[in-house]
């Protein structure tokens, strides 16, 4: 699968901050984006992670994540670029979409 080189271009702080203004689940953390999610139980958390894993594989961009029982912490960064790129925003938006399947009434 060929990758568009613009996918590996670091985004400006202004671009990332403008995106974050409309993405309440996500925070800027050092050289990446992070979110900290809570689910009803382990099965729900694991189901969410399974769905995200399939999307991440399709996008050829994989999260750093940590799961304890009903909590899932996610960090996104493009290591090859050394920070946040369009790949991270795209995967974060996909993750938010899956989150909404589990929390349809949530205001993020």
PDB file of N, CA and C in Angstrom:
ATOM      1  N   UNK A   1       0.850  -1.176   0.000  1.00  0.00           N
ATOM      2  CA  UNK A   1       0.000   0.000   0.000  1.00  0.00           C
ATOM      3  C   UNK A   1       0.895   1.239   0.000  1.00  0.00           C
ATOM      4  N   UNK A   2       0.705   2.119  -0.976  1.00  0.00           N
ATOM      5  CA  UNK A   2       1.530   3.321  -1.005  1.00  0.00           C
ATOM      6  C   UNK A   2       0.929   4.373  -0.086  1.00  0.00           C
ATOM      7  N   UNK A   3       1.809   5.141   0.489  1.00  0.00           N
ATOM      8  CA  UNK A   3       1.384   6.184   1.413  1.00  0.00           C
ATOM      9  C   UNK A   3       1.604   7.537   0.765  1.00  0.00           C
ATOM     10  N   UNK A   4       0.650   8.424   0.896  1.00  0.00           N
ATOM     11  CA  UNK A   4       0.783   9.784   0.413  1.00  0.00           C
ATOM     12  C   UNK A   4       1.784  10.500   1.310  1.00  0.00           C
ATOM     13  N   UNK A   5       2.770  11.168   0.711  1.00  0.00           N
ATOM     14  CA  UNK A   5       3.809  11.813   1.531  1.00  0.00           C
ATOM     15  C   UNK A   5       3.241  12.904   2.426  1.00  0.00           C
ATOM     16  N   UNK A   6       2.131  13.526   2.034  1.00  0.00           N
ATOM     17  CA  UNK A   6       1.550  14.555   2.906  1.00  0.00           C
ATOM     18  C   UNK A   6       1.052  13.954   4.215  1.00  0.00           C
ATOM     19  N   UNK A   7       0.783  12.645   4.228  1.00  0.00           N
ATOM     20  CA  UNK A   7       0.374  11.979   5.459  1.00  0.00           C
ATOM     21  C   UNK A   7       1.481  11.989   6.501  1.00  0.00           C
ATOM     22  N   UNK A   8       2.709  12.216   6.080  1.00  0.00           N
ATOM     23  CA  UNK A   8       3.850  12.203   6.995  1.00  0.00           C
ATOM     24  C   UNK A   8       4.382  13.607   7.272  1.00  0.00           C
ATOM     25  N   UNK A   9       3.642  14.621   6.862  1.00  0.00           N
ATOM     26  CA  UNK A   9       4.035  16.004   7.112  1.00  0.00           C
ATOM     27  C   UNK A   9       3.505  16.432   8.474  1.00  0.00           C
ATOM     28  N   UNK A  10       4.388  16.946   9.316  1.00  0.00           N
ATOM     29  CA  UNK A  10       3.959  17.428  10.629  1.00  0.00           C
ATOM     30  C   UNK A  10       2.961  18.563  10.471  1.00  0.00           C
ATOM     31  N   UNK A  11       1.941  18.530  11.291  1.00  0.00           N
ATOM     32  CA  UNK A  11       0.943  19.597  11.273  1.00  0.00           C
ATOM     33  C   UNK A  11       1.380  20.716  12.202  1.00  0.00           C
ATOM     34  N   UNK A  12       0.995  21.933  11.865  1.00  0.00           N
ATOM     35  CA  UNK A  12       1.332  23.087  12.709  1.00  0.00           C
ATOM     36  C   UNK A  12       0.514  23.024  14.002  1.00  0.00           C
ATOM     37  N   UNK A  13       1.016  23.705  15.006  1.00  0.00           N
ATOM     38  CA  UNK A  13       0.294  23.789  16.286  1.00  0.00           C
ATOM     39  C   UNK A  13      -1.083  24.405  16.071  1.00  0.00           C
ATOM     40  N   UNK A  14      -1.175  25.399  15.194  1.00  0.00           N
ATOM     41  CA  UNK A  14      -2.458  26.043  14.921  1.00  0.00           C
ATOM     42  C   UNK A  14      -3.455  25.057  14.316  1.00  0.00           C
ATOM     43  N   UNK A  15      -2.992  24.235  13.390  1.00  0.00           N
ATOM     44  CA  UNK A  15      -3.870  23.246  12.761  1.00  0.00           C
ATOM     45  C   UNK A  15      -4.356  22.232  13.784  1.00  0.00           C
ATOM     46  N   UNK A  16      -3.444  21.746  14.604  1.00  0.00           N
ATOM     47  CA  UNK A  16      -3.812  20.754  15.620  1.00  0.00           C
ATOM     48  C   UNK A  16      -4.772  21.373  16.633  1.00  0.00           C
ATOM     49  N   UNK A  17      -4.488  22.577  17.076  1.00  0.00           N
ATOM     50  CA  UNK A  17      -5.353  23.227  18.064  1.00  0.00           C
ATOM     51  C   UNK A  17      -6.751  23.495  17.506  1.00  0.00           C
ATOM     52  N   UNK A  18      -6.826  23.885  16.238  1.00  0.00           N
ATOM     53  CA  UNK A  18      -8.135  24.101  15.609  1.00  0.00           C
ATOM     54  C   UNK A  18      -8.911  22.790  15.550  1.00  0.00           C
ATOM     55  N   UNK A  19      -8.233  21.702  15.227  1.00  0.00           N
ATOM     56  CA  UNK A  19      -8.877  20.382  15.191  1.00  0.00           C
ATOM     57  C   UNK A  19      -9.346  19.987  16.591  1.00  0.00           C
ATOM     58  N   UNK A  20      -8.487  20.182  17.584  1.00  0.00           N
ATOM     59  CA  UNK A  20      -8.822  19.820  18.967  1.00  0.00           C
ATOM     60  C   UNK A  20     -10.032  20.586  19.495  1.00  0.00           C
ATOM     61  N   UNK A  21     -10.245  21.788  19.015  1.00  0.00           N
ATOM     62  CA  UNK A  21     -11.381  22.603  19.474  1.00  0.00           C
ATOM     63  C   UNK A  21     -12.718  21.917  19.179  1.00  0.00           C
ATOM     64  N   UNK A  22     -12.710  20.991  18.204  1.00  0.00           N
ATOM     65  CA  UNK A  22     -13.941  20.295  17.828  1.00  0.00           C
ATOM     66  C   UNK A  22     -13.890  18.802  18.158  1.00  0.00           C
ATOM     67  N   UNK A  23     -12.920  18.412  18.957  1.00  0.00           N
ATOM     68  CA  UNK A  23     -12.735  17.005  19.310  1.00  0.00           C
ATOM     69  C   UNK A  23     -12.556  16.874  20.827  1.00  0.00           C
ATOM     70  N   UNK A  24     -13.630  16.955  21.593  1.00  0.00           N
ATOM     71  CA  UNK A  24     -13.510  16.989  23.058  1.00  0.00           C
ATOM     72  C   UNK A  24     -12.931  15.732  23.702  1.00  0.00           C
ATOM     73  N   UNK A  25     -12.912  14.607  22.996  1.00  0.00           N
ATOM     74  CA  UNK A  25     -12.310  13.400  23.579  1.00  0.00           C
ATOM     75  C   UNK A  25     -10.795  13.470  23.634  1.00  0.00           C
ATOM     76  N   UNK A  26     -10.195  14.291  22.786  1.00  0.00           N
ATOM     77  CA  UNK A  26      -8.752  14.254  22.549  1.00  0.00           C
ATOM     78  C   UNK A  26      -8.023  15.424  23.187  1.00  0.00           C
ATOM     79  N   UNK A  27      -6.800  15.149  23.635  1.00  0.00           N
ATOM     80  CA  UNK A  27      -5.904  16.143  24.227  1.00  0.00           C
ATOM     81  C   UNK A  27      -4.577  16.110  23.485  1.00  0.00           C
ATOM     82  N   UNK A  28      -3.908  17.245  23.471  1.00  0.00           N
ATOM     83  CA  UNK A  28      -2.552  17.261  22.937  1.00  0.00           C
ATOM     84  C   UNK A  28      -1.619  16.884  24.073  1.00  0.00           C
ATOM     85  N   UNK A  29      -0.724  15.955  23.810  1.00  0.00           N
ATOM     86  CA  UNK A  29       0.191  15.475  24.841  1.00  0.00           C
ATOM     87  C   UNK A  29       1.571  15.285  24.214  1.00  0.00           C
ATOM     88  N   UNK A  30       2.512  16.158  24.536  1.00  0.00           N
ATOM     89  CA  UNK A  30       3.881  16.104  24.011  1.00  0.00           C
ATOM     90  C   UNK A  30       3.835  16.049  22.483  1.00  0.00           C
ATOM     91  N   UNK A  31       4.279  14.941  21.900  1.00  0.00           N
ATOM     92  CA  UNK A  31       4.359  14.834  20.443  1.00  0.00           C
ATOM     93  C   UNK A  31       3.188  14.068  19.847  1.00  0.00           C
ATOM     94  N   UNK A  32       2.059  14.024  20.565  1.00  0.00           N
ATOM     95  CA  UNK A  32       0.933  13.257  20.051  1.00  0.00           C
ATOM     96  C   UNK A  32      -0.405  13.716  20.592  1.00  0.00           C
ATOM     97  N   UNK A  33      -1.398  12.907  20.305  1.00  0.00           N
ATOM     98  CA  UNK A  33      -2.758  13.107  20.798  1.00  0.00           C
ATOM     99  C   UNK A  33      -3.082  11.980  21.758  1.00  0.00           C
ATOM    100  N   UNK A  34      -3.889  12.259  22.764  1.00  0.00           N
ATOM    101  CA  UNK A  34      -4.276  11.196  23.691  1.00  0.00           C
ATOM    102  C   UNK A  34      -5.737  11.339  24.075  1.00  0.00           C
ATOM    103  N   UNK A  35      -6.317  10.216  24.471  1.00  0.00           N
ATOM    104  CA  UNK A  35      -7.651  10.226  25.057  1.00  0.00           C
ATOM    105  C   UNK A  35      -7.706   9.133  26.111  1.00  0.00           C
ATOM    106  N   UNK A  36      -8.569   9.336  27.078  1.00  0.00           N
ATOM    107  CA  UNK A  36      -8.723   8.424  28.211  1.00  0.00           C
ATOM    108  C   UNK A  36     -10.207   8.087  28.301  1.00  0.00           C
ATOM    109  N   UNK A  37     -10.523   6.831  28.023  1.00  0.00           N
ATOM    110  CA  UNK A  37     -11.911   6.419  27.891  1.00  0.00           C
ATOM    111  C   UNK A  37     -12.319   5.439  28.984  1.00  0.00           C
ATOM    112  N   UNK A  38     -13.576   5.526  29.376  1.00  0.00           N
ATOM    113  CA  UNK A  38     -14.146   4.654  30.396  1.00  0.00           C
ATOM    114  C   UNK A  38     -15.325   3.909  29.791  1.00  0.00           C
ATOM    115  N   UNK A  39     -15.376   2.594  30.010  1.00  0.00           N
ATOM    116  CA  UNK A  39     -16.454   1.760  29.502  1.00  0.00           C
ATOM    117  C   UNK A  39     -17.183   1.118  30.672  1.00  0.00           C
ATOM    118  N   UNK A  40     -18.275   0.445  30.384  1.00  0.00           N
ATOM    119  CA  UNK A  40     -19.079  -0.183  31.432  1.00  0.00           C
ATOM    120  C   UNK A  40     -18.346  -1.345  32.090  1.00  0.00           C
ATOM    121  N   UNK A  41     -17.526  -2.059  31.311  1.00  0.00           N
ATOM    122  CA  UNK A  41     -16.841  -3.233  31.846  1.00  0.00           C
ATOM    123  C   UNK A  41     -15.710  -3.637  30.892  1.00  0.00           C
ATOM    124  N   UNK A  42     -15.013  -4.689  31.226  1.00  0.00           N
ATOM    125  CA  UNK A  42     -13.884  -5.154  30.433  1.00  0.00           C
ATOM    126  C   UNK A  42     -14.308  -5.604  29.043  1.00  0.00           C
ATOM    127  N   UNK A  43     -15.414  -6.324  28.946  1.00  0.00           N
ATOM    128  CA  UNK A  43     -15.883  -6.834  27.650  1.00  0.00           C
ATOM    129  C   UNK A  43     -16.160  -5.681  26.697  1.00  0.00           C
ATOM    130  N   UNK A  44     -16.801  -4.643  27.182  1.00  0.00           N
ATOM    131  CA  UNK A  44     -17.095  -3.480  26.343  1.00  0.00           C
ATOM    132  C   UNK A  44     -15.793  -2.800  25.908  1.00  0.00           C
ATOM    133  N   UNK A  45     -14.866  -2.634  26.838  1.00  0.00           N
ATOM    134  CA  UNK A  45     -13.572  -2.012  26.509  1.00  0.00           C
ATOM    135  C   UNK A  45     -12.830  -2.839  25.464  1.00  0.00           C
ATOM    136  N   UNK A  46     -12.824  -4.156  25.652  1.00  0.00           N
ATOM    137  CA  UNK A  46     -12.109  -5.033  24.720  1.00  0.00           C
ATOM    138  C   UNK A  46     -12.788  -5.030  23.345  1.00  0.00           C
ATOM    139  N   UNK A  47     -14.120  -4.989  23.319  1.00  0.00           N
ATOM    140  CA  UNK A  47     -14.848  -4.912  22.049  1.00  0.00           C
ATOM    141  C   UNK A  47     -14.493  -3.644  21.290  1.00  0.00           C
ATOM    142  N   UNK A  48     -14.427  -2.535  22.014  1.00  0.00           N
ATOM    143  CA  UNK A  48     -14.025  -1.262  21.419  1.00  0.00           C
ATOM    144  C   UNK A  48     -12.619  -1.381  20.831  1.00  0.00           C
ATOM    145  N   UNK A  49     -11.704  -1.936  21.611  1.00  0.00           N
ATOM    146  CA  UNK A  49     -10.325  -2.067  21.144  1.00  0.00           C
ATOM    147  C   UNK A  49     -10.241  -2.968  19.907  1.00  0.00           C
ATOM    148  N   UNK A  50     -11.040  -3.996  19.862  1.00  0.00           N
ATOM    149  CA  UNK A  50     -11.042  -4.889  18.699  1.00  0.00           C
ATOM    150  C   UNK A  50     -11.491  -4.148  17.439  1.00  0.00           C
ATOM    151  N   UNK A  51     -12.533  -3.340  17.578  1.00  0.00           N
ATOM    152  CA  UNK A  51     -13.010  -2.562  16.434  1.00  0.00           C
ATOM    153  C   UNK A  51     -11.960  -1.549  15.983  1.00  0.00           C
ATOM    154  N   UNK A  52     -11.326  -0.885  16.939  1.00  0.00           N
ATOM    155  CA  UNK A  52     -10.292   0.096  16.604  1.00  0.00           C
ATOM    156  C   UNK A  52      -9.105  -0.600  15.942  1.00  0.00           C
ATOM    157  N   UNK A  53      -8.743  -1.782  16.422  1.00  0.00           N
ATOM    158  CA  UNK A  53      -7.619  -2.511  15.836  1.00  0.00           C
ATOM    159  C   UNK A  53      -7.861  -2.795  14.355  1.00  0.00           C
ATOM    160  N   UNK A  54      -9.074  -3.170  14.001  1.00  0.00           N
ATOM    161  CA  UNK A  54      -9.390  -3.434  12.597  1.00  0.00           C
ATOM    162  C   UNK A  54      -9.285  -2.170  11.750  1.00  0.00           C
ATOM    163  N   UNK A  55      -9.777  -1.055  12.267  1.00  0.00           N
ATOM    164  CA  UNK A  55      -9.664   0.219  11.547  1.00  0.00           C
ATOM    165  C   UNK A  55      -8.212   0.658  11.428  1.00  0.00           C
ATOM    166  N   UNK A  56      -7.465   0.512  12.505  1.00  0.00           N
ATOM    167  CA  UNK A  56      -6.057   0.908  12.489  1.00  0.00           C
ATOM    168  C   UNK A  56      -5.291   0.115  11.443  1.00  0.00           C
ATOM    169  N   UNK A  57      -5.598  -1.149  11.342  1.00  0.00           N
ATOM    170  CA  UNK A  57      -4.937  -1.995  10.338  1.00  0.00           C
ATOM    171  C   UNK A  57      -5.302  -1.528   8.933  1.00  0.00           C
ATOM    172  N   UNK A  58      -6.557  -1.198   8.709  1.00  0.00           N
ATOM    173  CA  UNK A  58      -6.985  -0.691   7.398  1.00  0.00           C
ATOM    174  C   UNK A  58      -6.273   0.615   7.057  1.00  0.00           C
ATOM    175  N   UNK A  59      -6.057   1.461   8.061  1.00  0.00           N
ATOM    176  CA  UNK A  59      -5.414   2.758   7.838  1.00  0.00           C
ATOM    177  C   UNK A  59      -3.891   2.661   7.894  1.00  0.00           C
ATOM    178  N   UNK A  60      -3.390   1.490   8.234  1.00  0.00           N
ATOM    179  CA  UNK A  60      -1.950   1.266   8.382  1.00  0.00           C
ATOM    180  C   UNK A  60      -1.329   2.294   9.338  1.00  0.00           C
ATOM    181  N   UNK A  61      -2.033   2.515  10.433  1.00  0.00           N
ATOM    182  CA  UNK A  61      -1.563   3.446  11.465  1.00  0.00           C
ATOM    183  C   UNK A  61      -2.063   2.889  12.793  1.00  0.00           C
ATOM    184  N   UNK A  62      -1.172   2.636  13.718  1.00  0.00           N
ATOM    185  CA  UNK A  62      -1.531   1.868  14.910  1.00  0.00           C
ATOM    186  C   UNK A  62      -1.334   2.693  16.176  1.00  0.00           C
ATOM    187  N   UNK A  63      -2.308   2.623  17.080  1.00  0.00           N
ATOM    188  CA  UNK A  63      -2.218   3.408  18.323  1.00  0.00           C
ATOM    189  C   UNK A  63      -1.285   2.759  19.339  1.00  0.00           C
ATOM    190  N   UNK A  64      -0.800   3.587  20.221  1.00  0.00           N
ATOM    191  CA  UNK A  64      -0.211   3.097  21.469  1.00  0.00           C
ATOM    192  C   UNK A  64      -1.384   3.113  22.431  1.00  0.00           C
ATOM    193  N   UNK A  65      -1.598   2.000  23.135  1.00  0.00           N
ATOM    194  CA  UNK A  65      -2.726   2.012  24.056  1.00  0.00           C
ATOM    195  C   UNK A  65      -2.488   1.131  25.260  1.00  0.00           C
ATOM    196  N   UNK A  66      -3.328   1.380  26.254  1.00  0.00           N
ATOM    197  CA  UNK A  66      -3.205   0.716  27.543  1.00  0.00           C
ATOM    198  C   UNK A  66      -4.619   0.431  28.029  1.00  0.00           C
ATOM    199  N   UNK A  67      -4.848  -0.785  28.483  1.00  0.00           N
ATOM    200  CA  UNK A  67      -6.170  -1.173  28.962  1.00  0.00           C
ATOM    201  C   UNK A  67      -6.065  -1.799  30.343  1.00  0.00           C
ATOM    202  N   UNK A  68      -6.874  -1.303  31.266  1.00  0.00           N
ATOM    203  CA  UNK A  68      -7.068  -1.936  32.563  1.00  0.00           C
ATOM    204  C   UNK A  68      -8.570  -1.983  32.796  1.00  0.00           C
ATOM    205  N   UNK A  69      -9.082  -3.197  32.896  1.00  0.00           N
ATOM    206  CA  UNK A  69     -10.488  -3.482  33.100  1.00  0.00           C
ATOM    207  C   UNK A  69     -11.360  -2.643  32.165  1.00  0.00           C
ATOM    208  N   UNK A  70     -12.003  -1.600  32.639  1.00  0.00           N
ATOM    209  CA  UNK A  70     -12.933  -0.835  31.819  1.00  0.00           C
ATOM    210  C   UNK A  70     -12.346   0.468  31.277  1.00  0.00           C
ATOM    211  N   UNK A  71     -11.053   0.671  31.466  1.00  0.00           N
ATOM    212  CA  UNK A  71     -10.395   1.896  30.993  1.00  0.00           C
ATOM    213  C   UNK A  71      -9.508   1.588  29.790  1.00  0.00           C
ATOM    214  N   UNK A  72      -9.523   2.523  28.834  1.00  0.00           N
ATOM    215  CA  UNK A  72      -8.636   2.439  27.677  1.00  0.00           C
ATOM    216  C   UNK A  72      -8.004   3.808  27.489  1.00  0.00           C
ATOM    217  N   UNK A  73      -6.681   3.847  27.513  1.00  0.00           N
ATOM    218  CA  UNK A  73      -5.931   5.074  27.241  1.00  0.00           C
ATOM    219  C   UNK A  73      -5.245   4.901  25.894  1.00  0.00           C
ATOM    220  N   UNK A  74      -5.357   5.917  25.049  1.00  0.00           N
ATOM    221  CA  UNK A  74      -4.826   5.843  23.692  1.00  0.00           C
ATOM    222  C   UNK A  74      -3.918   7.036  23.435  1.00  0.00           C
ATOM    223  N   UNK A  75      -2.800   6.760  22.771  1.00  0.00           N
ATOM    224  CA  UNK A  75      -1.928   7.828  22.280  1.00  0.00           C
ATOM    225  C   UNK A  75      -1.701   7.600  20.798  1.00  0.00           C
ATOM    226  N   UNK A  76      -1.805   8.688  20.035  1.00  0.00           N
ATOM    227  CA  UNK A  76      -1.537   8.649  18.606  1.00  0.00           C
ATOM    228  C   UNK A  76      -0.400   9.603  18.279  1.00  0.00           C
ATOM    229  N   UNK A  77       0.542   9.143  17.507  1.00  0.00           N
ATOM    230  CA  UNK A  77       1.618   9.968  16.980  1.00  0.00           C
ATOM    231  C   UNK A  77       2.163   9.267  15.747  1.00  0.00           C
ATOM    232  N   UNK A  78       2.740  10.025  14.850  1.00  0.00           N
ATOM    233  CA  UNK A  78       3.378   9.440  13.675  1.00  0.00           C
ATOM    234  C   UNK A  78       4.870   9.434  13.943  1.00  0.00           C
ATOM    235  N   UNK A  79       5.374   8.303  14.385  1.00  0.00           N
ATOM    236  CA  UNK A  79       6.775   8.196  14.771  1.00  0.00           C
ATOM    237  C   UNK A  79       7.718   8.570  13.637  1.00  0.00           C
ATOM    238  N   UNK A  80       7.386   8.156  12.408  1.00  0.00           N
ATOM    239  CA  UNK A  80       8.253   8.447  11.264  1.00  0.00           C
ATOM    240  C   UNK A  80       8.403   9.947  11.018  1.00  0.00           C
ATOM    241  N   UNK A  81       7.411  10.725  11.428  1.00  0.00           N
ATOM    242  CA  UNK A  81       7.451  12.176  11.234  1.00  0.00           C
ATOM    243  C   UNK A  81       7.875  12.912  12.500  1.00  0.00           C
ATOM    244  N   UNK A  82       7.828  12.237  13.644  1.00  0.00           N
ATOM    245  CA  UNK A  82       8.211  12.870  14.901  1.00  0.00           C
ATOM    246  C   UNK A  82       7.134  13.731  15.526  1.00  0.00           C
ATOM    247  N   UNK A  83       5.878  13.441  15.244  1.00  0.00           N
ATOM    248  CA  UNK A  83       4.806  14.224  15.849  1.00  0.00           C
ATOM    249  C   UNK A  83       3.463  13.936  15.215  1.00  0.00           C
ATOM    250  N   UNK A  84       2.589  14.936  15.241  1.00  0.00           N
ATOM    251  CA  UNK A  84       1.207  14.784  14.793  1.00  0.00           C
ATOM    252  C   UNK A  84       1.103  15.092  13.306  1.00  0.00           C
ATOM    253  N   UNK A  85       0.473  14.160  12.586  1.00  0.00           N
ATOM    254  CA  UNK A  85       0.232  14.326  11.151  1.00  0.00           C
ATOM    255  C   UNK A  85      -1.244  14.069  10.852  1.00  0.00           C
ATOM    256  N   UNK A  86      -1.596  14.203   9.590  1.00  0.00           N
ATOM    257  CA  UNK A  86      -2.975  13.941   9.161  1.00  0.00           C
ATOM    258  C   UNK A  86      -3.389  12.505   9.480  1.00  0.00           C
ATOM    259  N   UNK A  87      -2.427  11.587   9.492  1.00  0.00           N
ATOM    260  CA  UNK A  87      -2.731  10.190   9.821  1.00  0.00           C
ATOM    261  C   UNK A  87      -3.314  10.082  11.232  1.00  0.00           C
ATOM    262  N   UNK A  88      -2.765  10.851  12.151  1.00  0.00           N
ATOM    263  CA  UNK A  88      -3.238  10.823  13.537  1.00  0.00           C
ATOM    264  C   UNK A  88      -4.650  11.390  13.646  1.00  0.00           C
ATOM    265  N   UNK A  89      -4.897  12.507  12.960  1.00  0.00           N
ATOM    266  CA  UNK A  89      -6.240  13.104  13.011  1.00  0.00           C
ATOM    267  C   UNK A  89      -7.276  12.161  12.418  1.00  0.00           C
ATOM    268  N   UNK A  90      -6.929  11.525  11.306  1.00  0.00           N
ATOM    269  CA  UNK A  90      -7.849  10.600  10.648  1.00  0.00           C
ATOM    270  C   UNK A  90      -8.185   9.413  11.551  1.00  0.00           C
ATOM    271  N   UNK A  91      -7.159   8.818  12.171  1.00  0.00           N
ATOM    272  CA  UNK A  91      -7.418   7.682  13.059  1.00  0.00           C
ATOM    273  C   UNK A  91      -8.179   8.137  14.304  1.00  0.00           C
ATOM    274  N   UNK A  92      -7.853   9.296  14.842  1.00  0.00           N
ATOM    275  CA  UNK A  92      -8.573   9.814  16.017  1.00  0.00           C
ATOM    276  C   UNK A  92     -10.052   9.999  15.701  1.00  0.00           C
ATOM    277  N   UNK A  93     -10.360  10.521  14.525  1.00  0.00           N
ATOM    278  CA  UNK A  93     -11.759  10.702  14.146  1.00  0.00           C
ATOM    279  C   UNK A  93     -12.464   9.345  14.006  1.00  0.00           C
ATOM    280  N   UNK A  94     -11.766   8.365  13.481  1.00  0.00           N
ATOM    281  CA  UNK A  94     -12.331   7.016  13.384  1.00  0.00           C
ATOM    282  C   UNK A  94     -12.586   6.431  14.775  1.00  0.00           C
ATOM    283  N   UNK A  95     -11.639   6.623  15.679  1.00  0.00           N
ATOM    284  CA  UNK A  95     -11.783   6.130  17.053  1.00  0.00           C
ATOM    285  C   UNK A  95     -12.969   6.804  17.731  1.00  0.00           C
ATOM    286  N   UNK A  96     -13.117   8.108  17.520  1.00  0.00           N
ATOM    287  CA  UNK A  96     -14.254   8.828  18.084  1.00  0.00           C
ATOM    288  C   UNK A  96     -15.564   8.245  17.563  1.00  0.00           C
ATOM    289  N   UNK A  97     -15.595   7.879  16.298  1.00  0.00           N
ATOM    290  CA  UNK A  97     -16.794   7.257  15.732  1.00  0.00           C
ATOM    291  C   UNK A  97     -17.142   5.953  16.415  1.00  0.00           C
ATOM    292  N   UNK A  98     -16.148   5.137  16.700  1.00  0.00           N
ATOM    293  CA  UNK A  98     -16.397   3.878  17.418  1.00  0.00           C
ATOM    294  C   UNK A  98     -16.847   4.177  18.845  1.00  0.00           C
ATOM    295  N   UNK A  99     -16.215   5.128  19.498  1.00  0.00           N
ATOM    296  CA  UNK A  99     -16.605   5.534  20.857  1.00  0.00           C
ATOM    297  C   UNK A  99     -18.091   5.875  20.896  1.00  0.00           C
ATOM    298  N   UNK A 100     -18.563   6.590  19.892  1.00  0.00           N
ATOM    299  CA  UNK A 100     -19.979   7.007  19.860  1.00  0.00           C
ATOM    300  C   UNK A 100     -20.925   5.820  19.706  1.00  0.00           C
ATOM    301  N   UNK A 101     -20.460   4.723  19.141  1.00  0.00           N
ATOM    302  CA  UNK A 101     -21.285   3.515  19.081  1.00  0.00           C
ATOM    303  C   UNK A 101     -21.567   2.988  20.483  1.00  0.00           C
ATOM    304  N   UNK A 102     -20.610   3.148  21.385  1.00  0.00           N
ATOM    305  CA  UNK A 102     -20.752   2.675  22.757  1.00  0.00           C
ATOM    306  C   UNK A 102     -21.397   3.721  23.659  1.00  0.00           C
ATOM    307  N   UNK A 103     -21.342   4.970  23.270  1.00  0.00           N
ATOM    308  CA  UNK A 103     -21.882   6.078  24.061  1.00  0.00           C
ATOM    309  C   UNK A 103     -22.661   7.024  23.161  1.00  0.00           C
ATOM    310  N   UNK A 104     -23.793   6.579  22.610  1.00  0.00           N
ATOM    311  CA  UNK A 104     -24.513   7.404  21.620  1.00  0.00           C
ATOM    312  C   UNK A 104     -25.040   8.719  22.169  1.00  0.00           C
ATOM    313  N   UNK A 105     -25.317   8.785  23.441  1.00  0.00           N
ATOM    314  CA  UNK A 105     -25.855  10.018  24.019  1.00  0.00           C
ATOM    315  C   UNK A 105     -24.758  10.897  24.599  1.00  0.00           C
ATOM    316  N   UNK A 106     -23.528  10.429  24.561  1.00  0.00           N
ATOM    317  CA  UNK A 106     -22.421  11.169  25.165  1.00  0.00           C
ATOM    318  C   UNK A 106     -22.138  12.432  24.377  1.00  0.00           C
ATOM    319  N   UNK A 107     -21.855  13.474  25.106  1.00  0.00           N
ATOM    320  CA  UNK A 107     -21.449  14.739  24.495  1.00  0.00           C
ATOM    321  C   UNK A 107     -19.924  14.790  24.509  1.00  0.00           C
ATOM    322  N   UNK A 108     -19.321  13.633  24.278  1.00  0.00           N
ATOM    323  CA  UNK A 108     -17.860  13.450  24.302  1.00  0.00           C
ATOM    324  C   UNK A 108     -17.333  14.025  25.538  1.00  0.00           C
TER     325      UNK A 108
END
